[in-house]
Amino acid sequence: MLESGLIMLLIIFSVNIVYVSLLTVRMIFTLKGQKYIAASVGVFEITAYTLGLGLVLDNLENVQNLIAYALGFGLGVISGMKVEEKLAVGYITVNVISSDPSIPFTETLRNKGYGVTSWYAYGMEGDRLAIQVLTPRKYELMLYESIKDIDPKAFIVAYEPRQIHGGFWVKKVRGSRLKREEEKLQSE
């Protein structure tokens, strides 16, 4: 009896982790406008949801089932976020303000394979170099490291664009040079 109760708790806990992880991933795909992938994930998500909730509702007299459901939900949120980080769907736009316009920022980042637009700006304390970089999210951390290596005092703001059209990205976005840069860093 005790063994079957523990198995039920583990099943409810596991099903809810799967459900919430899928919910998180589906939401990301929905926000990225990838409706067919989101719909496909949704099919599996609702199946897991129905299974888990059904097990809890069929055994409402066992409070531990509800606790396992709630704990699975919490762990599913963390798990879904980890999966989303690994998928790194979409692109990120990074705006950088360098305190020293004489640093060869733009050239260095372009040589690494990033699409860079730069212009001179004037800040409270004088001349600045403003830079905008668009990159696939999977290269986001590598970009931050490159920026910090070039100018440790750089001001960085990042956001996710909803739509991209034209320019450098239409022709070269698939990141072949960035991929080589990533492989080079991993081999060091």
Protein backbone atom coordinates (compact mmCIF):
# COMPACT_ATOMS: atom_id res chain seq x y z
CA MET A 1 0.00 0.00 0.00
CA LEU A 2 2.75 2.44 0.96
CA GLU A 3 4.74 1.55 -2.15
CA SER A 4 1.80 2.22 -4.49
CA GLY A 5 1.22 5.57 -2.72
CA LEU A 6 4.84 6.58 -3.30
CA ILE A 7 4.63 5.54 -6.93
CA MET A 8 1.49 7.66 -7.32
CA LEU A 9 3.29 10.68 -5.77
CA LEU A 10 6.24 10.23 -8.12
CA ILE A 11 3.96 9.93 -11.14
CA ILE A 12 2.01 13.09 -10.21
CA PHE A 13 5.23 14.96 -9.46
CA SER A 14 6.89 13.87 -12.73
CA VAL A 15 3.85 14.49 -14.91
CA ASN A 16 3.54 18.02 -13.55
CA ILE A 17 7.22 18.76 -14.19
CA VAL A 18 6.71 17.66 -17.79
CA TYR A 19 3.47 19.63 -18.10
CA VAL A 20 4.87 22.94 -16.81
CA SER A 21 8.10 22.55 -18.77
CA LEU A 22 6.05 22.11 -21.94
CA LEU A 23 3.82 25.04 -20.96
CA THR A 24 6.88 27.29 -20.62
CA VAL A 25 8.34 26.16 -23.94
CA ARG A 26 4.98 26.55 -25.70
CA MET A 27 4.63 30.06 -24.33
CA ILE A 28 8.09 30.99 -25.64
CA PHE A 29 7.28 29.66 -29.11
CA THR A 30 3.96 31.51 -29.00
CA LEU A 31 5.67 34.78 -28.10
CA LYS A 32 8.22 34.21 -30.88
CA GLY A 33 5.41 33.81 -33.39
CA GLN A 34 6.16 30.15 -34.17
CA LYS A 35 2.54 29.06 -34.09
CA TYR A 36 2.88 25.55 -35.53
CA ILE A 37 5.63 24.52 -33.14
CA ALA A 38 3.67 26.09 -30.27
CA ALA A 39 0.54 24.18 -31.28
CA SER A 40 2.46 20.90 -31.50
CA VAL A 41 3.99 21.39 -28.06
CA GLY A 42 0.50 22.34 -26.79
CA VAL A 43 -0.86 18.92 -27.74
CA PHE A 44 1.66 17.18 -25.47
CA GLU A 45 1.28 19.86 -22.79
CA ILE A 46 -2.49 19.44 -22.44
CA THR A 47 -2.14 15.66 -22.41
CA ALA A 48 0.29 15.85 -19.47
CA TYR A 49 -1.91 18.44 -17.73
CA THR A 50 -5.02 16.31 -18.03
CA LEU A 51 -3.20 13.23 -16.79
CA GLY A 52 -1.66 14.94 -13.76
CA LEU A 53 -4.76 16.85 -12.73
CA GLY A 54 -6.91 13.76 -13.21
CA LEU A 55 -4.70 11.77 -10.85
CA VAL A 56 -4.97 14.47 -8.19
CA LEU A 57 -8.73 14.97 -8.56
CA ASP A 58 -9.38 11.22 -8.44
CA ASN A 59 -7.57 11.09 -5.09
CA LEU A 60 -8.47 14.37 -3.39
CA GLU A 61 -8.54 12.71 0.02
CA ASN A 62 -4.74 12.32 -0.20
CA VAL A 63 -3.25 15.75 0.53
CA GLN A 64 0.20 14.47 -0.38
CA ASN A 65 -0.96 14.15 -4.01
CA LEU A 66 -1.80 17.85 -4.09
CA ILE A 67 1.57 18.65 -2.51
CA ALA A 68 3.35 16.52 -5.14
CA TYR A 69 1.36 18.34 -7.85
CA ALA A 70 2.35 21.75 -6.45
CA LEU A 71 6.02 20.79 -6.04
CA GLY A 72 6.06 19.38 -9.56
CA PHE A 73 4.61 22.65 -10.82
CA GLY A 74 7.38 24.67 -9.12
CA LEU A 75 10.13 22.40 -10.39
CA GLY A 76 8.51 22.42 -13.83
CA VAL A 77 8.86 26.21 -13.99
CA ILE A 78 12.60 25.92 -13.31
CA SER A 79 12.93 23.00 -15.73
CA GLY A 80 11.04 24.88 -18.47
CA MET A 81 13.28 27.89 -18.05
CA LYS A 82 16.37 25.69 -18.35
CA VAL A 83 15.00 24.08 -21.52
CA GLU A 84 14.23 27.53 -22.95
CA GLU A 85 17.78 28.70 -22.19
CA LYS A 86 19.17 25.69 -24.05
CA LEU A 87 16.87 26.23 -27.03
CA ALA A 88 17.76 29.96 -27.16
CA VAL A 89 15.12 30.63 -29.81
CA GLY A 90 15.26 33.92 -31.69
CA TYR A 91 17.57 36.88 -31.66
CA ILE A 92 18.78 39.51 -29.26
CA THR A 93 19.61 43.14 -29.90
CA VAL A 94 22.36 44.56 -27.75
CA ASN A 95 22.93 48.28 -27.45
CA VAL A 96 26.38 49.26 -26.21
CA ILE A 97 27.71 52.65 -25.21
CA SER A 98 31.49 52.78 -25.08
CA SER A 99 33.10 55.53 -23.03
CA ASP A 100 36.02 55.66 -25.46
CA PRO A 101 35.12 56.23 -29.13
CA SER A 102 38.71 55.50 -30.19
CA ILE A 103 38.42 51.79 -29.27
CA PRO A 104 38.08 49.71 -32.49
CA PHE A 105 34.82 48.26 -31.17
CA THR A 106 32.86 47.99 -34.41
CA GLU A 107 35.70 46.44 -36.38
CA THR A 108 36.52 43.91 -33.66
CA LEU A 109 32.92 42.70 -33.37
CA ARG A 110 32.45 42.55 -37.16
CA ASN A 111 35.61 40.45 -37.46
CA LYS A 112 34.02 38.00 -35.01
CA GLY A 113 30.95 37.74 -37.28
CA TYR A 114 28.44 40.05 -35.58
CA GLY A 115 26.25 42.48 -37.50
CA VAL A 116 27.15 45.86 -36.03
CA THR A 117 25.83 49.36 -36.58
CA SER A 118 27.65 52.18 -34.82
CA TRP A 119 27.48 55.94 -34.55
CA TYR A 120 29.12 58.66 -32.53
CA ALA A 121 27.11 60.05 -29.66
CA TYR A 122 27.56 62.65 -26.99
CA GLY A 123 26.99 61.75 -23.35
CA MET A 124 27.06 63.67 -20.11
CA GLU A 125 30.81 63.27 -19.86
CA GLY A 126 31.72 63.74 -23.52
CA ASP A 127 32.03 61.76 -26.75
CA ARG A 128 30.82 58.17 -26.85
CA LEU A 129 30.51 55.39 -29.38
CA ALA A 130 27.01 53.90 -29.61
CA ILE A 131 26.77 50.40 -31.05
CA GLN A 132 23.86 48.15 -31.90
CA VAL A 133 24.46 44.43 -32.38
CA LEU A 134 21.95 41.82 -33.49
CA THR A 135 22.81 38.18 -32.86
CA PRO A 136 21.13 34.79 -32.44
CA ARG A 137 20.34 34.24 -28.73
CA LYS A 138 22.60 31.21 -28.59
CA TYR A 139 25.57 33.59 -29.01
CA GLU A 140 24.35 36.13 -26.43
CA LEU A 141 26.76 35.23 -23.62
CA MET A 142 29.67 35.01 -26.05
CA LEU A 143 28.80 38.53 -27.27
CA TYR A 144 28.75 39.90 -23.71
CA GLU A 145 32.17 38.42 -23.06
CA SER A 146 33.51 39.94 -26.28
CA ILE A 147 32.13 43.35 -25.33
CA LYS A 148 33.63 43.16 -21.83
CA ASP A 149 36.99 42.14 -23.30
CA ILE A 150 36.96 45.14 -25.65
CA ASP A 151 35.71 47.70 -23.11
CA PRO A 152 35.12 46.58 -19.51
CA LYS A 153 33.42 49.93 -18.78
CA ALA A 154 30.88 49.61 -21.62
CA PHE A 155 27.22 50.20 -20.82
CA ILE A 156 25.12 47.31 -22.18
CA VAL A 157 21.35 47.06 -22.69
CA ALA A 158 19.76 44.03 -24.38
CA TYR A 159 16.28 43.27 -25.65
CA GLU A 160 14.56 40.84 -27.99
CA PRO A 161 13.28 42.20 -31.31
CA ARG A 162 9.86 41.03 -32.49
CA GLN A 163 10.58 41.24 -36.20
CA ILE A 164 13.64 41.48 -38.43
CA HIS A 165 13.61 42.53 -42.07
CA GLY A 166 16.41 43.41 -44.46
CA GLY A 167 20.01 44.39 -43.89
CA PHE A 168 22.94 42.23 -42.88
CA TRP A 169 20.70 39.55 -41.36
CA VAL A 170 18.80 38.62 -44.50
CA LYS A 171 22.04 37.58 -46.18
CA LYS A 172 24.32 36.31 -43.39
CA VAL A 173 22.26 35.59 -40.28
CA ARG A 174 22.97 31.90 -40.02
CA GLY A 175 26.07 32.73 -38.02
CA SER A 176 28.75 30.73 -39.79
CA ARG A 177 31.50 33.09 -38.59
CA LEU A 178 29.94 33.24 -35.12
CA LYS A 179 29.83 29.45 -35.01
CA ARG A 180 33.55 29.31 -35.82
CA GLU A 181 34.20 31.90 -33.11
CA GLU A 182 32.23 29.83 -30.60
CA GLU A 183 34.15 26.66 -31.54
CA LYS A 184 37.43 28.54 -31.21
CA LEU A 185 36.50 29.69 -27.68
CA GLN A 186 35.45 26.19 -26.67
CA SER A 187 38.75 24.69 -27.85
CA GLU A 188 40.79 27.15 -25.74
